[in-house]
Amino acid sequence: MYSVTEAFISWLNNLGFDAHSYPPNDSQEFVTVERTGGGVIDLVDRPSLAIQTWAKTETRAEDMANAIRLALLTSELPNGVHSVSINTGAYRFYDDETRLPRFQIYIDVVSQLTE
């Protein structure tokens, strides 16, 4: 089965980011990708994803988010992804639990449903 979340995690790792589906316990600079919604229309998956950048400083978290936003607009997309539109972001999204600065980009995707 095709996972758009895993496709973006792999894509971000290939771009040099430390990407995961959940925040890792042993890092203070990483990216998370989370499916937050979306549905299927005519056998095409149309998910919404939150891409979050976490870092020791707000400046670094914002720089990471801006680099990802630019890559979304200019780089070859992950295999299986037909198109991406940036819904919102990058914007500050502070995390009270970890107290790490965090920025978020919210995207809408059109992707394949199966491999």
Protein backbone atom coordinates (compact mmCIF):
# COMPACT_ATOMS: atom_id res chain seq x y z
CA MET A 1 0.00 0.00 0.00
CA TYR A 2 1.25 3.48 -0.84
CA SER A 3 1.79 5.92 2.06
CA VAL A 4 2.01 9.59 1.13
CA THR A 5 3.35 10.33 4.62
CA GLU A 6 6.21 7.86 4.17
CA ALA A 7 6.86 9.24 0.67
CA PHE A 8 7.35 12.76 2.07
CA ILE A 9 9.46 11.50 4.99
CA SER A 10 11.77 9.71 2.55
CA TRP A 11 11.85 12.78 0.25
CA LEU A 12 12.79 15.09 3.13
CA ASN A 13 15.49 12.69 4.34
CA ASN A 14 16.92 12.68 0.80
CA LEU A 15 16.99 16.49 0.95
CA GLY A 16 19.16 16.26 4.07
CA PHE A 17 16.55 16.73 6.81
CA ASP A 18 16.04 14.35 9.74
CA ALA A 19 12.38 13.52 8.99
CA HIS A 20 10.01 11.31 10.99
CA SER A 21 6.32 10.62 11.53
CA TYR A 22 6.72 11.36 15.27
CA PRO A 23 9.23 13.53 17.15
CA PRO A 24 12.30 11.40 17.98
CA ASN A 25 13.43 11.25 21.61
CA ASP A 26 17.09 11.90 20.89
CA SER A 27 17.14 14.95 18.64
CA GLN A 28 16.60 18.68 18.93
CA GLU A 29 16.53 19.36 15.18
CA PHE A 30 14.15 17.38 13.01
CA VAL A 31 11.09 17.47 10.76
CA THR A 32 7.79 15.67 11.23
CA VAL A 33 5.19 14.83 8.61
CA GLU A 34 1.62 14.12 9.67
CA ARG A 35 -1.49 13.43 7.64
CA THR A 36 -4.19 15.67 9.08
CA GLY A 37 -7.08 15.03 6.71
CA GLY A 38 -8.19 14.65 3.16
CA GLY A 39 -10.03 11.97 1.29
CA VAL A 40 -10.27 9.96 -1.89
CA ILE A 41 -12.01 11.19 -5.04
CA ASP A 42 -12.21 9.00 -8.15
CA LEU A 43 -9.51 6.63 -6.81
CA VAL A 44 -7.07 9.54 -6.29
CA ASP A 45 -5.86 10.33 -2.77
CA ARG A 46 -6.10 14.01 -1.78
CA PRO A 47 -4.48 14.23 1.66
CA SER A 48 -3.68 17.28 3.74
CA LEU A 49 -0.29 17.13 5.47
CA ALA A 50 1.35 19.13 8.23
CA ILE A 51 5.11 19.42 7.83
CA GLN A 52 6.70 20.71 11.03
CA THR A 53 10.29 21.83 11.58
CA TRP A 54 11.74 21.71 15.09
CA ALA A 55 15.06 23.20 16.18
CA LYS A 56 16.98 24.69 19.12
CA THR A 57 16.36 28.23 17.89
CA GLU A 58 13.39 29.90 16.27
CA THR A 59 15.63 31.22 13.49
CA ARG A 60 16.82 27.71 12.60
CA ALA A 61 13.29 26.24 12.70
CA GLU A 62 12.08 29.02 10.39
CA ASP A 63 15.06 28.59 8.04
CA MET A 64 14.32 24.86 7.77
CA ALA A 65 10.64 25.53 7.06
CA ASN A 66 11.47 28.10 4.40
CA ALA A 67 13.92 25.68 2.74
CA ILE A 68 11.25 22.97 2.65
CA ARG A 69 8.66 25.39 1.30
CA LEU A 70 11.05 26.34 -1.51
CA ALA A 71 11.77 22.66 -2.25
CA LEU A 72 8.04 21.95 -2.44
CA LEU A 73 7.76 24.65 -5.11
CA THR A 74 10.93 23.96 -7.09
CA SER A 75 12.12 20.36 -6.61
CA GLU A 76 10.92 17.09 -8.07
CA LEU A 77 8.15 15.82 -5.81
CA PRO A 78 8.19 12.40 -4.12
CA ASN A 79 7.34 9.40 -6.28
CA GLY A 80 3.59 8.93 -6.42
CA VAL A 81 2.81 12.60 -5.73
CA HIS A 82 1.16 14.34 -8.66
CA SER A 83 0.88 17.86 -7.22
CA VAL A 84 1.25 19.93 -4.07
CA SER A 85 -0.29 23.23 -3.08
CA ILE A 86 0.85 25.12 -0.02
CA ASN A 87 -2.24 25.89 2.00
CA THR A 88 -0.51 27.91 4.77
CA GLY A 89 2.94 28.50 6.14
CA ALA A 90 5.55 28.61 7.08
CA TYR A 91 4.32 29.97 10.40
CA ARG A 92 5.44 29.79 14.02
CA PHE A 93 3.84 26.88 15.89
CA TYR A 94 5.50 26.78 19.33
CA ASP A 95 5.42 23.46 21.19
CA ASP A 96 4.69 23.79 24.92
CA GLU A 97 5.60 20.17 25.69
CA THR A 98 9.14 20.10 24.28
CA ARG A 99 9.67 23.87 24.48
CA LEU A 100 11.46 23.61 21.14
CA PRO A 101 10.74 26.27 18.53
CA ARG A 102 8.62 24.83 15.75
CA PHE A 103 7.32 26.07 12.39
CA GLN A 104 4.59 24.46 10.30
CA ILE A 105 3.70 24.25 6.64
CA TYR A 106 0.27 22.91 5.77
CA ILE A 107 -0.04 21.38 2.28
CA ASP A 108 -2.71 19.81 0.12
CA VAL A 109 -1.52 16.92 -2.03
CA VAL A 110 -2.81 14.92 -4.97
CA SER A 111 -1.24 11.47 -4.98
CA GLN A 112 -1.71 7.91 -6.06
CA LEU A 113 -3.80 5.69 -3.83
CA THR A 114 -1.87 2.44 -4.31
CA GLU A 115 1.58 1.40 -5.47
